[in-house]
Amino acid sequence: MVPEIYERRSIRKYLDKPIPKQDIADILQSGTMAPSSKNRQPWRYVVIEGKSKEEMLAAFRAGIAREENAEALLPQSREFIAAAKYTVEIMEQTPVVIFVVNVLGRSVLTDLTPEERIYEICNIQSVSASIQNILLAATKKGIGSLWICDIYFAYQELSDWLSAEGELLAAVALGYPAESPAARPRKGLEDVVEWRS
């Protein structure tokens, strides 16, 4: 068994303590060791710290405001805007936010052929494996993490701010934890596994 799999938690409270650059590099190196479809390795990581983090948070808040007041990308998800605002507060505490981009990806607003959609799904699976490696590597170093998908409430604003080629998929907050949450309930194997012989 890999203990980090069982020790990893989603951390939402962080200490005001910087992470050494070498630790961040080690964690990201672990991300690059993930398996990827056809070995395309479609991931790119944008590390946000300091003044850049303030600019990013401003873009995030602008996106949330647009979702509240104008035509929304996620109109059926407006009930979750309060959670997105809370995510911004969490990101304010963290010394490091990593944006994860699928460099081969297309905007969520792009119409895709079935073949293009399959490529997209395979690349997203690859990037997701990379993110999981990042979370586990952080846990091993005693660094807390939070996988963030609320970025989609400010997808256009954050994509424009990043100016990164490809599709923005997720963000990961990193910092030394100021909390030790208990494990969240998990479905039992009997609920998620079907055995066929």
Protein backbone atom coordinates (compact mmCIF):
# COMPACT_ATOMS: atom_id res chain seq x y z
CA MET A 1 0.00 0.00 0.00
CA VAL A 2 1.02 3.60 -0.63
CA PRO A 3 0.41 5.48 2.64
CA GLU A 4 0.05 8.87 0.90
CA ILE A 5 -3.11 7.61 -0.84
CA TYR A 6 -4.74 7.13 2.56
CA GLU A 7 -3.21 10.21 4.22
CA ARG A 8 -4.06 12.73 1.49
CA ARG A 9 -6.76 15.24 2.42
CA SER A 10 -8.27 18.28 0.73
CA ILE A 11 -6.84 21.13 2.79
CA ARG A 12 -8.73 24.43 3.03
CA LYS A 13 -6.75 26.17 5.82
CA TYR A 14 -3.06 26.95 5.43
CA LEU A 15 -0.18 28.33 7.47
CA ASP A 16 1.51 31.54 6.40
CA LYS A 17 4.73 29.73 5.50
CA PRO A 18 6.49 29.67 2.12
CA ILE A 19 7.24 26.41 0.31
CA PRO A 20 10.86 25.97 -0.78
CA LYS A 21 11.19 26.19 -4.56
CA GLN A 22 12.95 22.82 -4.69
CA ASP A 23 9.96 21.15 -2.99
CA ILE A 24 7.63 22.69 -5.58
CA ALA A 25 9.92 21.46 -8.36
CA ASP A 26 10.03 17.95 -6.84
CA ILE A 27 6.24 17.86 -6.62
CA LEU A 28 5.86 18.96 -10.25
CA GLN A 29 8.49 16.43 -11.35
CA SER A 30 6.25 13.77 -9.83
CA GLY A 31 3.43 15.12 -11.98
CA THR A 32 5.50 14.57 -15.11
CA MET A 33 5.93 10.89 -14.23
CA ALA A 34 2.23 10.13 -14.73
CA PRO A 35 1.15 7.81 -17.53
CA SER A 36 -0.27 9.53 -20.60
CA SER A 37 -2.21 8.43 -23.65
CA LYS A 38 0.24 7.64 -26.50
CA ASN A 39 2.91 9.26 -24.28
CA ARG A 40 1.68 12.68 -25.39
CA GLN A 41 2.41 14.18 -21.93
CA PRO A 42 -0.11 17.00 -22.54
CA TRP A 43 0.39 18.77 -19.22
CA ARG A 44 1.80 22.18 -18.47
CA TYR A 45 1.98 23.74 -15.02
CA VAL A 46 1.87 27.47 -14.35
CA VAL A 47 3.11 28.24 -10.83
CA ILE A 48 1.53 31.33 -9.31
CA GLU A 49 3.04 33.13 -6.32
CA GLY A 50 3.33 36.63 -4.87
CA LYS A 51 2.07 39.54 -6.96
CA SER A 52 0.93 37.21 -9.74
CA LYS A 53 -1.39 35.53 -7.27
CA GLU A 54 -3.08 38.87 -6.52
CA GLU A 55 -3.63 39.44 -10.25
CA MET A 56 -5.01 35.92 -10.66
CA LEU A 57 -7.41 36.35 -7.75
CA ALA A 58 -8.68 39.60 -9.28
CA ALA A 59 -9.38 37.73 -12.55
CA PHE A 60 -11.12 34.95 -10.61
CA ARG A 61 -13.33 37.46 -8.75
CA ALA A 62 -14.19 39.22 -12.03
CA GLY A 63 -15.32 35.90 -13.50
CA ILE A 64 -17.50 35.12 -10.50
CA ALA A 65 -19.07 38.59 -10.72
CA ARG A 66 -19.86 37.98 -14.41
CA GLU A 67 -21.43 34.61 -13.57
CA GLU A 68 -23.65 36.37 -11.03
CA ASN A 69 -24.65 39.35 -13.15
CA ALA A 70 -24.46 38.46 -16.85
CA GLU A 71 -24.67 35.57 -19.25
CA ALA A 72 -23.16 32.65 -17.38
CA LEU A 73 -21.09 29.75 -18.68
CA LEU A 74 -22.64 27.64 -15.90
CA PRO A 75 -26.22 28.92 -15.56
CA GLN A 76 -27.46 25.69 -13.93
CA SER A 77 -24.70 25.91 -11.32
CA ARG A 78 -25.38 29.34 -9.85
CA GLU A 79 -26.20 27.71 -6.51
CA PHE A 80 -22.48 26.88 -6.22
CA ILE A 81 -21.19 30.44 -6.67
CA ALA A 82 -20.88 30.88 -2.90
CA ALA A 83 -18.57 27.85 -2.85
CA ALA A 84 -16.49 29.42 -5.65
CA LYS A 85 -16.16 32.60 -3.57
CA TYR A 86 -14.98 30.47 -0.66
CA THR A 87 -12.43 28.84 -2.97
CA VAL A 88 -11.02 32.30 -3.74
CA GLU A 89 -10.63 32.88 0.02
CA ILE A 90 -8.77 29.57 0.32
CA MET A 91 -6.49 30.48 -2.58
CA GLU A 92 -5.68 33.80 -0.86
CA GLN A 93 -4.15 31.85 2.04
CA THR A 94 -1.98 29.52 0.00
CA PRO A 95 1.58 30.46 -0.87
CA VAL A 96 1.37 28.62 -4.20
CA VAL A 97 -1.35 27.98 -6.77
CA ILE A 98 -0.57 25.78 -9.75
CA PHE A 99 -2.71 26.03 -12.85
CA VAL A 100 -2.76 22.84 -14.89
CA VAL A 101 -3.23 23.21 -18.63
CA ASN A 102 -3.87 20.55 -21.27
CA VAL A 103 -1.55 21.90 -23.97
CA LEU A 104 -3.27 19.78 -26.61
CA GLY A 105 -6.74 20.72 -25.38
CA ARG A 106 -9.47 22.80 -26.93
CA SER A 107 -11.67 25.33 -25.18
CA VAL A 108 -14.73 23.93 -23.43
CA LEU A 109 -16.71 26.12 -25.83
CA THR A 110 -15.38 24.35 -28.95
CA ASP A 111 -17.55 21.89 -30.88
CA LEU A 112 -15.65 18.65 -31.40
CA THR A 113 -16.02 15.72 -33.76
CA PRO A 114 -16.34 12.32 -32.06
CA GLU A 115 -12.66 11.58 -32.81
CA GLU A 116 -11.54 14.96 -31.44
CA ARG A 117 -13.65 14.39 -28.33
CA ILE A 118 -11.98 11.00 -27.72
CA TYR A 119 -8.53 12.59 -28.03
CA GLU A 120 -9.67 15.28 -25.60
CA ILE A 121 -10.94 12.69 -23.11
CA CYS A 122 -7.70 10.71 -23.31
CA ASN A 123 -5.61 13.82 -22.76
CA ILE A 124 -7.78 14.90 -19.82
CA GLN A 125 -7.32 11.44 -18.28
CA SER A 126 -3.55 11.88 -18.67
CA VAL A 127 -3.54 15.33 -17.05
CA SER A 128 -5.76 14.04 -14.24
CA ALA A 129 -3.23 11.28 -13.50
CA SER A 130 -0.55 13.98 -13.38
CA ILE A 131 -2.59 16.01 -10.88
CA GLN A 132 -3.06 12.96 -8.66
CA ASN A 133 0.72 12.41 -8.65
CA ILE A 134 1.15 16.06 -7.61
CA LEU A 135 -1.29 15.65 -4.70
CA LEU A 136 0.41 12.48 -3.47
CA ALA A 137 3.91 13.95 -3.79
CA ALA A 138 2.81 17.00 -1.80
CA THR A 139 1.33 14.76 0.90
CA LYS A 140 4.60 12.83 1.16
CA LYS A 141 6.44 16.13 1.82
CA GLY A 142 3.92 17.22 4.49
CA ILE A 143 2.47 19.87 2.17
CA GLY A 144 -1.29 20.25 1.98
CA SER A 145 -3.15 20.52 -1.30
CA LEU A 146 -6.55 21.23 -2.77
CA TRP A 147 -7.60 20.20 -6.27
CA ILE A 148 -9.71 23.12 -7.52
CA CYS A 149 -12.38 22.89 -10.21
CA ASP A 150 -14.26 26.07 -9.24
CA ILE A 151 -12.03 27.84 -11.78
CA TYR A 152 -14.79 27.17 -14.31
CA PHE A 153 -16.80 29.96 -12.70
CA ALA A 154 -14.13 32.26 -14.14
CA TYR A 155 -12.98 30.09 -17.04
CA GLN A 156 -12.71 32.86 -19.64
CA GLU A 157 -11.18 35.42 -17.29
CA LEU A 158 -8.56 33.00 -15.95
CA SER A 159 -7.79 31.62 -19.42
CA ASP A 160 -7.28 35.15 -20.73
CA TRP A 161 -5.13 36.08 -17.73
CA LEU A 162 -2.95 32.98 -18.09
CA SER A 163 -2.49 33.40 -21.86
CA ALA A 164 -1.42 29.76 -21.89
CA GLU A 165 -1.71 27.69 -25.03
CA GLY A 166 -4.21 24.87 -24.60
CA GLU A 167 -7.14 24.28 -22.28
CA LEU A 168 -7.19 25.29 -18.63
CA LEU A 169 -8.27 22.18 -16.71
CA ALA A 170 -7.73 22.73 -13.00
CA ALA A 171 -5.81 24.48 -10.27
CA VAL A 172 -4.01 23.01 -7.28
CA ALA A 173 -3.44 25.00 -4.11
CA LEU A 174 -0.32 24.08 -2.13
CA GLY A 175 0.67 25.09 1.37
CA TYR A 176 1.51 23.78 4.81
CA PRO A 177 -1.76 22.67 6.41
CA ALA A 178 -3.32 24.53 9.33
CA GLU A 179 -5.90 21.79 9.78
CA SER A 180 -6.05 17.99 9.93
CA PRO A 181 -9.45 17.01 8.56
CA ALA A 182 -10.72 13.49 8.99
CA ALA A 183 -11.13 11.29 5.95
CA ARG A 184 -14.35 11.90 4.05
CA PRO A 185 -16.75 8.94 3.70
CA ARG A 186 -15.99 6.67 0.76
CA LYS A 187 -18.19 4.20 -1.03
CA GLY A 188 -17.40 0.59 -0.23
CA LEU A 189 -15.93 -1.73 -2.84
CA GLU A 190 -19.24 -3.55 -2.99
CA ASP A 191 -20.81 -0.29 -4.26
CA VAL A 192 -18.28 0.44 -6.99
CA VAL A 193 -16.90 -2.88 -8.20
CA GLU A 194 -18.59 -5.38 -10.47
CA TRP A 195 -16.79 -8.72 -10.72
CA ARG A 196 -17.16 -10.72 -13.91
CA SER A 197 -15.64 -14.19 -14.46
